[in-house]
Structure formats: structure tokens, C-alpha cells
Amino acid sequence: MRIIGQTEIANIFGVSARTITEWQAAGMPVAVQGGPGVPGEYDSAACIRWQLEREVRKIQGESPKDRLARLQGDDLEMKLAHQRGKLIDTAAVEPAMRAAIVSARERIRSEPARIATLLEGLDRADRETRLRELFDEVLGKLAHWQQVGTDGDQEAHGRPV
């Protein structure tokens, strides 16, 4: 429905004509721009849709001030987590984790010949037990990666893995 004049569209929204001028500057659609002594025309459905979308954006959106406050809060949370030992630098963890994975990989790769010899003559249950022990040992090394020594081949308590 076409509405003629700012006063009429303002009455639909229950606001002043000055508010309509401000809304137009903010992007409210005008079907036909008025001028001195000539009232503008508004498509009421388009204006209502614009106002609804504007209000939804206010609720869902984030103002620059809100964004700054959120980012400052996130930064503070990160600093507190770091101080409490809940957050650590990846550069501090990565070398030890890499050493544990390399050590486990090398252990697995070095075992087939030894295991083939150990498994000769054993029944199926004994073979499965021996293999499970090896797998558990390697998985244990990965699970306790923090305890791998600097050379990557010994656990912290010195037992070869």
C-alpha cells in the first residue's frame, strides 16, 4: 500500500516525522522522493520489512563497541587460562609430541622380523598375546608422550621402549 507523506508513514510506526527523516538517511526505502511542497511516497510493506530487518540486525548483530568488549574479554580469558596452566604454547609441546610419535613409529617399524621369530611355534592365543603386548607398549608410549626423554628412545624412568 502506498503512503503519501512523512507524517502518514510516521503515524503508522508511531514515531515523529523527524524520525522518518533519520530512518531515510539510514536506508529506509522511499518509493518516490518528495521535495519542497511535494510529499514523498512510501511503500508501507517495504518500510515495515526494512524496520523489521533493522531491529533483527540490532538483536543479532554486534556493534563495534560490543565487538571490542567481546575481544577484550576473550583476550583476558586467554591470559587467565595461560596463567592457570590451562593453555600452553604449541611450540613448547610440539617437539616432545613429535619425538614420541617418531619413537613409536620407529618401534613399530623395527619389530616385524623380531616378532616373526618370537611367534614361530606358538599357538594363536600366544601369538595374539605377544602382539597385544607390543601394541600396548607402543600405545602406552604415545599416551605418555610427555615422559619421552630428549633422545626419543627412552621413557623418563630410563626403561627402553
N, C-alpha and C. Protein backbone atom coordinates (compact mmCIF):
# COMPACT_ATOMS: atom_id res chain seq x y z
N MET A 1 0.84 -1.18 0.00
CA MET A 1 0.00 0.00 0.00
C MET A 1 0.89 1.24 0.00
N ARG A 2 0.59 2.17 -0.85
CA ARG A 2 1.34 3.43 -0.95
C ARG A 2 0.83 4.41 0.11
N ILE A 3 1.81 4.99 0.81
CA ILE A 3 1.53 6.01 1.82
C ILE A 3 2.14 7.31 1.31
N ILE A 4 1.38 8.38 1.37
CA ILE A 4 1.88 9.67 0.89
C ILE A 4 2.16 10.57 2.08
N GLY A 5 3.43 11.01 2.18
CA GLY A 5 3.84 11.97 3.21
C GLY A 5 4.50 11.32 4.42
N GLN A 6 5.48 12.06 4.93
CA GLN A 6 6.21 11.58 6.11
C GLN A 6 5.31 11.46 7.33
N THR A 7 4.38 12.37 7.47
CA THR A 7 3.50 12.34 8.63
C THR A 7 2.66 11.07 8.65
N GLU A 8 2.19 10.67 7.49
CA GLU A 8 1.35 9.47 7.40
C GLU A 8 2.16 8.21 7.73
N ILE A 9 3.34 8.10 7.15
CA ILE A 9 4.16 6.90 7.44
C ILE A 9 4.63 6.92 8.89
N ALA A 10 4.88 8.13 9.42
CA ALA A 10 5.27 8.26 10.82
C ALA A 10 4.14 7.78 11.73
N ASN A 11 2.90 8.08 11.38
CA ASN A 11 1.74 7.64 12.17
C ASN A 11 1.63 6.11 12.18
N ILE A 12 1.97 5.47 11.07
CA ILE A 12 1.90 4.01 11.02
C ILE A 12 2.89 3.41 12.02
N PHE A 13 4.08 4.00 12.11
CA PHE A 13 5.11 3.48 13.02
C PHE A 13 5.00 4.06 14.43
N GLY A 14 4.18 5.09 14.59
CA GLY A 14 4.04 5.71 15.91
C GLY A 14 5.27 6.52 16.29
N VAL A 15 5.88 7.17 15.31
CA VAL A 15 7.07 8.00 15.54
C VAL A 15 6.84 9.37 14.92
N SER A 16 7.81 10.24 15.11
CA SER A 16 7.70 11.59 14.54
C SER A 16 8.19 11.61 13.09
N ALA A 17 7.83 12.68 12.39
CA ALA A 17 8.29 12.86 11.01
C ALA A 17 9.82 12.99 10.98
N ARG A 18 10.38 13.60 12.03
CA ARG A 18 11.84 13.72 12.11
C ARG A 18 12.50 12.33 12.16
N THR A 19 11.89 11.39 12.89
CA THR A 19 12.41 10.01 12.95
C THR A 19 12.39 9.39 11.56
N ILE A 20 11.34 9.65 10.80
CA ILE A 20 11.26 9.12 9.43
C ILE A 20 12.41 9.68 8.60
N THR A 21 12.72 10.97 8.76
CA THR A 21 13.85 11.57 8.04
C THR A 21 15.15 10.86 8.42
N GLU A 22 15.33 10.59 9.71
CA GLU A 22 16.53 9.89 10.17
C GLU A 22 16.58 8.46 9.61
N TRP A 23 15.43 7.80 9.60
CA TRP A 23 15.39 6.44 9.07
C TRP A 23 15.70 6.42 7.57
N GLN A 24 15.20 7.42 6.85
CA GLN A 24 15.51 7.51 5.42
C GLN A 24 17.02 7.64 5.22
N ALA A 25 17.67 8.43 6.05
CA ALA A 25 19.12 8.59 5.96
C ALA A 25 19.82 7.27 6.28
N ALA A 26 19.18 6.44 7.12
CA ALA A 26 19.75 5.15 7.50
C ALA A 26 19.41 4.06 6.49
N GLY A 27 18.59 4.38 5.47
CA GLY A 27 18.31 3.40 4.43
C GLY A 27 16.88 2.97 4.26
N MET A 28 15.95 3.57 4.98
CA MET A 28 14.54 3.20 4.80
C MET A 28 14.13 3.52 3.36
N PRO A 29 13.45 2.58 2.70
CA PRO A 29 13.09 2.81 1.29
C PRO A 29 12.03 3.90 1.12
N VAL A 30 12.23 4.67 0.07
CA VAL A 30 11.27 5.71 -0.33
C VAL A 30 10.86 5.39 -1.76
N ALA A 31 9.55 5.21 -1.98
CA ALA A 31 9.08 4.85 -3.32
C ALA A 31 9.25 6.02 -4.29
N VAL A 32 8.86 7.19 -3.85
CA VAL A 32 9.00 8.40 -4.66
C VAL A 32 9.50 9.50 -3.75
N GLN A 33 10.67 10.05 -4.08
CA GLN A 33 11.27 11.10 -3.26
C GLN A 33 10.47 12.39 -3.42
N GLY A 34 10.11 12.98 -2.31
CA GLY A 34 9.39 14.26 -2.35
C GLY A 34 10.37 15.42 -2.42
N GLY A 35 9.85 16.58 -2.38
CA GLY A 35 10.67 17.79 -2.41
C GLY A 35 9.92 18.91 -1.70
N PRO A 36 10.41 20.14 -1.82
CA PRO A 36 9.71 21.26 -1.16
C PRO A 36 8.26 21.36 -1.66
N GLY A 37 7.33 21.20 -0.74
CA GLY A 37 5.91 21.29 -1.06
C GLY A 37 5.35 20.05 -1.73
N VAL A 38 6.20 19.04 -2.01
CA VAL A 38 5.73 17.80 -2.65
C VAL A 38 6.04 16.64 -1.69
N PRO A 39 4.98 15.98 -1.17
CA PRO A 39 5.23 14.90 -0.21
C PRO A 39 5.84 13.67 -0.89
N GLY A 40 6.69 12.97 -0.14
CA GLY A 40 7.25 11.72 -0.62
C GLY A 40 6.23 10.60 -0.53
N GLU A 41 6.51 9.52 -1.24
CA GLU A 41 5.61 8.36 -1.19
C GLU A 41 6.39 7.16 -0.67
N TYR A 42 5.70 6.35 0.11
CA TYR A 42 6.33 5.20 0.75
C TYR A 42 5.50 3.96 0.50
N ASP A 43 6.17 2.86 0.24
CA ASP A 43 5.52 1.55 0.14
C ASP A 43 5.51 1.00 1.56
N SER A 44 4.34 0.95 2.18
CA SER A 44 4.27 0.58 3.60
C SER A 44 4.87 -0.80 3.87
N ALA A 45 4.63 -1.78 2.98
CA ALA A 45 5.18 -3.13 3.19
C ALA A 45 6.70 -3.10 3.16
N ALA A 46 7.29 -2.36 2.22
CA ALA A 46 8.75 -2.27 2.12
C ALA A 46 9.33 -1.58 3.35
N CYS A 47 8.63 -0.53 3.83
CA CYS A 47 9.12 0.20 5.01
C CYS A 47 9.05 -0.67 6.27
N ILE A 48 7.96 -1.41 6.41
CA ILE A 48 7.81 -2.30 7.57
C ILE A 48 8.87 -3.40 7.53
N ARG A 49 9.08 -3.98 6.33
CA ARG A 49 10.10 -5.02 6.17
C ARG A 49 11.48 -4.46 6.54
N TRP A 50 11.79 -3.26 6.07
CA TRP A 50 13.08 -2.62 6.38
C TRP A 50 13.24 -2.45 7.90
N GLN A 51 12.19 -1.96 8.55
CA GLN A 51 12.26 -1.73 10.00
C GLN A 51 12.42 -3.05 10.76
N LEU A 52 11.72 -4.08 10.33
CA LEU A 52 11.87 -5.40 10.97
C LEU A 52 13.30 -5.92 10.83
N GLU A 53 13.83 -5.86 9.61
CA GLU A 53 15.20 -6.33 9.38
C GLU A 53 16.20 -5.52 10.20
N ARG A 54 15.95 -4.23 10.31
CA ARG A 54 16.84 -3.35 11.10
C ARG A 54 16.82 -3.76 12.58
N GLU A 55 15.65 -4.05 13.11
CA GLU A 55 15.54 -4.46 14.51
C GLU A 55 16.18 -5.83 14.73
N VAL A 56 15.99 -6.73 13.80
CA VAL A 56 16.60 -8.07 13.92
C VAL A 56 18.12 -7.93 13.91
N ARG A 57 18.65 -7.08 13.02
CA ARG A 57 20.10 -6.88 12.97
C ARG A 57 20.62 -6.32 14.29
N LYS A 58 19.85 -5.45 14.92
CA LYS A 58 20.26 -4.90 16.22
C LYS A 58 20.39 -6.01 17.26
N ILE A 59 19.44 -6.92 17.23
CA ILE A 59 19.44 -8.00 18.21
C ILE A 59 20.54 -9.01 17.90
N GLN A 60 20.65 -9.38 16.63
CA GLN A 60 21.61 -10.40 16.24
C GLN A 60 23.00 -9.84 16.04
N GLY A 61 23.07 -8.60 15.67
CA GLY A 61 24.35 -8.02 15.30
C GLY A 61 25.19 -7.63 16.50
N GLU A 62 26.33 -7.13 16.18
CA GLU A 62 27.28 -6.76 17.20
C GLU A 62 27.82 -5.39 16.82
N SER A 63 27.64 -4.45 17.70
CA SER A 63 28.15 -3.11 17.43
C SER A 63 29.67 -3.12 17.57
N PRO A 64 30.35 -2.13 17.00
CA PRO A 64 31.80 -2.06 17.18
C PRO A 64 32.20 -2.05 18.66
N LYS A 65 31.41 -1.37 19.47
CA LYS A 65 31.69 -1.33 20.91
C LYS A 65 31.52 -2.72 21.53
N ASP A 66 30.45 -3.42 21.14
CA ASP A 66 30.23 -4.78 21.65
C ASP A 66 31.35 -5.72 21.21
N ARG A 67 31.77 -5.59 19.94
CA ARG A 67 32.85 -6.42 19.42
C ARG A 67 34.14 -6.18 20.19
N LEU A 68 34.45 -4.91 20.46
CA LEU A 68 35.66 -4.58 21.21
C LEU A 68 35.59 -5.20 22.61
N ALA A 69 34.45 -5.06 23.26
CA ALA A 69 34.29 -5.63 24.61
C ALA A 69 34.44 -7.16 24.57
N ARG A 70 33.86 -7.80 23.54
CA ARG A 70 33.97 -9.25 23.42
C ARG A 70 35.42 -9.67 23.20
N LEU A 71 36.12 -8.97 22.32
CA LEU A 71 37.52 -9.31 22.05
C LEU A 71 38.40 -9.08 23.28
N GLN A 72 38.13 -8.02 24.01
CA GLN A 72 38.89 -7.77 25.24
C GLN A 72 38.61 -8.86 26.26
N GLY A 73 37.36 -9.29 26.35
CA GLY A 73 37.01 -10.39 27.26
C GLY A 73 37.68 -11.69 26.84
N ASP A 74 37.70 -11.97 25.54
CA ASP A 74 38.37 -13.18 25.04
C ASP A 74 39.86 -13.14 25.37
N ASP A 75 40.48 -11.97 25.18
CA ASP A 75 41.91 -11.82 25.47
C ASP A 75 42.18 -12.07 26.96
N LEU A 76 41.34 -11.52 27.81
CA LEU A 76 41.50 -11.71 29.25
C LEU A 76 41.34 -13.18 29.61
N GLU A 77 40.35 -13.86 29.01
CA GLU A 77 40.17 -15.29 29.27
C GLU A 77 41.40 -16.10 28.88
N MET A 78 41.98 -15.78 27.73
CA MET A 78 43.19 -16.48 27.27
C MET A 78 44.35 -16.25 28.24
N LYS A 79 44.53 -15.02 28.69
CA LYS A 79 45.62 -14.73 29.63
C LYS A 79 45.43 -15.48 30.94
N LEU A 80 44.20 -15.49 31.44
CA LEU A 80 43.93 -16.21 32.69
C LEU A 80 44.13 -17.72 32.52
N ALA A 81 43.69 -18.27 31.40
CA ALA A 81 43.88 -19.70 31.15
C ALA A 81 45.37 -20.02 31.09
N HIS A 82 46.14 -19.15 30.48
CA HIS A 82 47.59 -19.36 30.40
C HIS A 82 48.22 -19.31 31.80
N GLN A 83 47.81 -18.33 32.60
CA GLN A 83 48.34 -18.20 33.97
C GLN A 83 47.99 -19.41 34.82
N ARG A 84 46.83 -20.00 34.58
CA ARG A 84 46.39 -21.15 35.37
C ARG A 84 46.95 -22.47 34.83
N GLY A 85 47.74 -22.39 33.78
CA GLY A 85 48.32 -23.60 33.20
C GLY A 85 47.35 -24.39 32.36
N LYS A 86 46.23 -23.79 31.97
CA LYS A 86 45.23 -24.46 31.15
C LYS A 86 45.48 -24.24 29.66
N LEU A 87 46.41 -23.35 29.37
CA LEU A 87 46.71 -23.02 27.99
C LEU A 87 48.22 -22.97 27.85
N ILE A 88 48.73 -23.72 26.90
CA ILE A 88 50.18 -23.74 26.72
C ILE A 88 50.52 -23.45 25.27
N ASP A 89 51.71 -22.98 25.06
CA ASP A 89 52.19 -22.65 23.73
C ASP A 89 52.47 -23.94 22.96
N THR A 90 51.99 -24.03 21.76
CA THR A 90 52.23 -25.24 20.95
C THR A 90 53.71 -25.47 20.71
N ALA A 91 54.49 -24.41 20.65
CA ALA A 91 55.93 -24.56 20.44
C ALA A 91 56.59 -25.30 21.61
N ALA A 92 55.99 -25.21 22.79
CA ALA A 92 56.54 -25.91 23.95
C ALA A 92 56.18 -27.40 23.93
N VAL A 93 55.11 -27.77 23.29
CA VAL A 93 54.62 -29.14 23.29
C VAL A 93 55.06 -29.92 22.05
N GLU A 94 55.09 -29.24 20.94
CA GLU A 94 55.31 -29.92 19.66
C GLU A 94 56.58 -30.75 19.59
N PRO A 95 57.74 -30.31 20.05
CA PRO A 95 58.94 -31.15 19.95
C PRO A 95 58.81 -32.47 20.72
N ALA A 96 58.25 -32.43 21.92
CA ALA A 96 58.09 -33.66 22.70
C ALA A 96 57.08 -34.59 22.04
N MET A 97 56.00 -34.04 21.53
CA MET A 97 54.99 -34.85 20.86
C MET A 97 55.58 -35.47 19.59
N ARG A 98 56.31 -34.70 18.84
CA ARG A 98 56.95 -35.22 17.62
C ARG A 98 57.92 -36.34 17.98
N ALA A 99 58.73 -36.17 19.03
CA ALA A 99 59.69 -37.20 19.45
C ALA A 99 58.97 -38.49 19.84
N ALA A 100 57.85 -38.37 20.55
CA ALA A 100 57.10 -39.56 20.96
C ALA A 100 56.53 -40.29 19.75
N ILE A 101 56.00 -39.55 18.80
CA ILE A 101 55.42 -40.18 17.62
C ILE A 101 56.51 -40.84 16.77
N VAL A 102 57.64 -40.16 16.59
CA VAL A 102 58.75 -40.74 15.82
C VAL A 102 59.25 -42.01 16.51
N SER A 103 59.38 -41.95 17.84
CA SER A 103 59.86 -43.11 18.58
C SER A 103 58.89 -44.28 18.45
N ALA A 104 57.60 -44.01 18.56
CA ALA A 104 56.60 -45.08 18.42
C ALA A 104 56.62 -45.64 17.00
N ARG A 105 56.72 -44.76 16.01
CA ARG A 105 56.78 -45.22 14.63
C ARG A 105 57.99 -46.12 14.40
N GLU A 106 59.15 -45.70 14.90
CA GLU A 106 60.37 -46.50 14.71
C GLU A 106 60.27 -47.83 15.43
N ARG A 107 59.64 -47.82 16.60
CA ARG A 107 59.47 -49.08 17.34
C ARG A 107 58.62 -50.05 16.54
N ILE A 108 57.53 -49.57 15.98
CA ILE A 108 56.65 -50.42 15.18
C ILE A 108 57.38 -50.93 13.94
N ARG A 109 58.12 -50.07 13.28
CA ARG A 109 58.81 -50.45 12.05
C ARG A 109 59.94 -51.45 12.29
N SER A 110 60.52 -51.44 13.49
CA SER A 110 61.65 -52.33 13.76
C SER A 110 61.23 -53.71 14.25
N GLU A 111 59.97 -53.91 14.51
CA GLU A 111 59.51 -55.13 15.17
C GLU A 111 59.18 -56.32 14.29
N PRO A 112 58.79 -56.21 13.04
CA PRO A 112 58.30 -57.39 12.31
C PRO A 112 59.26 -58.58 12.31
N ALA A 113 60.53 -58.37 12.03
CA ALA A 113 61.46 -59.52 11.98
C ALA A 113 61.58 -60.18 13.35
N ARG A 114 61.75 -59.39 14.40
CA ARG A 114 61.87 -59.94 15.75
C ARG A 114 60.60 -60.69 16.14
N ILE A 115 59.47 -60.14 15.84
CA ILE A 115 58.20 -60.77 16.22
C ILE A 115 57.98 -62.05 15.43
N ALA A 116 58.34 -62.03 14.16
CA ALA A 116 58.17 -63.24 13.36
C ALA A 116 58.92 -64.40 13.99
N THR A 117 60.14 -64.12 14.46
CA THR A 117 60.94 -65.16 15.11
C THR A 117 60.31 -65.59 16.43
N LEU A 118 59.88 -64.62 17.22
CA LEU A 118 59.28 -64.93 18.52
C LEU A 118 57.98 -65.72 18.41
N LEU A 119 57.27 -65.52 17.33
CA LEU A 119 55.95 -66.15 17.19
C LEU A 119 56.01 -67.55 16.58
N GLU A 120 57.18 -67.96 16.09
CA GLU A 120 57.29 -69.30 15.50
C GLU A 120 56.95 -70.36 16.54
N GLY A 121 56.11 -71.26 16.15
CA GLY A 121 55.77 -72.39 17.01
C GLY A 121 54.74 -72.08 18.08
N LEU A 122 54.32 -70.84 18.22
CA LEU A 122 53.31 -70.51 19.24
C LEU A 122 51.92 -70.71 18.68
N ASP A 123 51.00 -71.06 19.56
CA ASP A 123 49.62 -71.20 19.09
C ASP A 123 49.00 -69.80 18.93
N ARG A 124 47.84 -69.76 18.36
CA ARG A 124 47.19 -68.49 18.03
C ARG A 124 47.01 -67.60 19.26
N ALA A 125 46.57 -68.13 20.37
CA ALA A 125 46.34 -67.33 21.58
C ALA A 125 47.64 -66.69 22.06
N ASP A 126 48.75 -67.44 22.04
CA ASP A 126 50.04 -66.89 22.47
C ASP A 126 50.53 -65.81 21.49
N ARG A 127 50.31 -66.02 20.19
CA ARG A 127 50.71 -65.01 19.21
C ARG A 127 49.94 -63.71 19.45
N GLU A 128 48.62 -63.85 19.66
CA GLU A 128 47.80 -62.67 19.92
C GLU A 128 48.26 -61.95 21.18
N THR A 129 48.60 -62.70 22.21
CA THR A 129 49.08 -62.10 23.46
C THR A 129 50.35 -61.31 23.23
N ARG A 130 51.31 -61.89 22.53
CA ARG A 130 52.58 -61.21 22.25
C ARG A 130 52.35 -59.93 21.43
N LEU A 131 51.51 -60.04 20.41
CA LEU A 131 51.22 -58.85 19.58
C LEU A 131 50.51 -57.76 20.39
N ARG A 132 49.56 -58.17 21.22
CA ARG A 132 48.84 -57.21 22.05
C ARG A 132 49.81 -56.50 22.99
N GLU A 133 50.77 -57.24 23.56
CA GLU A 133 51.77 -56.63 24.45
C GLU A 133 52.57 -55.56 23.71
N LEU A 134 53.00 -55.88 22.49
CA LEU A 134 53.76 -54.90 21.71
C LEU A 134 52.91 -53.67 21.40
N PHE A 135 51.69 -53.90 20.94
CA PHE A 135 50.82 -52.77 20.61
C PHE A 135 50.53 -51.92 21.84
N ASP A 136 50.27 -52.58 22.98
CA ASP A 136 50.03 -51.83 24.22
C ASP A 136 51.24 -51.01 24.61
N GLU A 137 52.43 -51.56 24.41
CA GLU A 137 53.66 -50.85 24.74
C GLU A 137 53.80 -49.59 23.87
N VAL A 138 53.56 -49.73 22.58
CA VAL A 138 53.67 -48.59 21.67
C VAL A 138 52.58 -47.56 21.96
N LEU A 139 51.36 -48.03 22.18
CA LEU A 139 50.27 -47.11 22.50
C LEU A 139 50.52 -46.41 23.84
N GLY A 140 51.12 -47.13 24.78
CA GLY A 140 51.48 -46.52 26.07
C GLY A 140 52.49 -45.40 25.88
N LYS A 141 53.43 -45.62 24.97
CA LYS A 141 54.43 -44.58 24.68
C LYS A 141 53.74 -43.32 24.14
N LEU A 142 52.77 -43.52 23.27
CA LEU A 142 52.05 -42.37 22.74
C LEU A 142 51.18 -41.72 23.80
N ALA A 143 50.57 -42.53 24.66
CA ALA A 143 49.72 -41.97 25.71
C ALA A 143 50.52 -41.17 26.73
N HIS A 144 51.77 -41.54 26.94
CA HIS A 144 52.62 -40.85 27.92
C HIS A 144 53.73 -40.09 27.21
N TRP A 145 53.36 -39.41 26.13
CA TRP A 145 54.33 -38.72 25.29
C TRP A 145 55.15 -37.69 26.06
N GLN A 146 54.59 -37.13 27.16
CA GLN A 146 55.33 -36.13 27.94
C GLN A 146 56.55 -36.74 28.63
N GLN A 147 56.56 -38.06 28.82
CA GLN A 147 57.63 -38.72 29.56
C GLN A 147 58.77 -39.20 28.68
N VAL A 148 58.62 -39.03 27.36
CA VAL A 148 59.67 -39.48 26.46
C VAL A 148 60.89 -38.58 26.67
N GLY A 149 62.06 -39.20 26.79
CA GLY A 149 63.30 -38.44 27.00
C GLY A 149 63.69 -37.64 25.78
N THR A 150 64.70 -36.84 25.91
CA THR A 150 65.11 -35.96 24.82
C THR A 150 65.65 -36.72 23.63
N ASP A 151 66.17 -37.94 23.84
CA ASP A 151 66.67 -38.69 22.70
C ASP A 151 65.55 -39.42 21.97
N GLY A 152 64.31 -39.43 22.55
CA GLY A 152 63.17 -40.02 21.89
C GLY A 152 63.10 -41.53 22.03
N ASP A 153 64.14 -42.19 22.60
CA ASP A 153 64.14 -43.65 22.67
C ASP A 153 63.91 -44.19 24.07
N GLN A 154 63.94 -43.35 25.07
CA GLN A 154 63.80 -43.80 26.46
C GLN A 154 62.64 -43.05 27.11
N GLU A 155 61.92 -43.75 27.98
CA GLU A 155 60.95 -43.06 28.81
C GLU A 155 61.70 -42.35 29.91
N ALA A 156 61.02 -41.49 30.64
CA ALA A 156 61.67 -40.69 31.67
C ALA A 156 62.33 -41.56 32.72
N HIS A 157 61.78 -42.75 33.01
CA HIS A 157 62.37 -43.60 34.03
C HIS A 157 63.48 -44.48 33.47
N GLY A 158 63.85 -44.29 32.21
CA GLY A 158 65.03 -44.94 31.67
C GLY A 158 64.83 -46.30 31.05
N ARG A 159 63.62 -46.85 31.09
CA ARG A 159 63.40 -48.17 30.50
C ARG A 159 63.26 -48.03 29.01
N PRO A 160 64.00 -48.84 28.22
CA PRO A 160 63.83 -48.76 26.77
C PRO A 160 62.44 -49.21 26.38
N VAL A 161 61.93 -48.59 25.34
CA VAL A 161 60.59 -48.93 24.89
C VAL A 161 60.65 -49.60 23.54
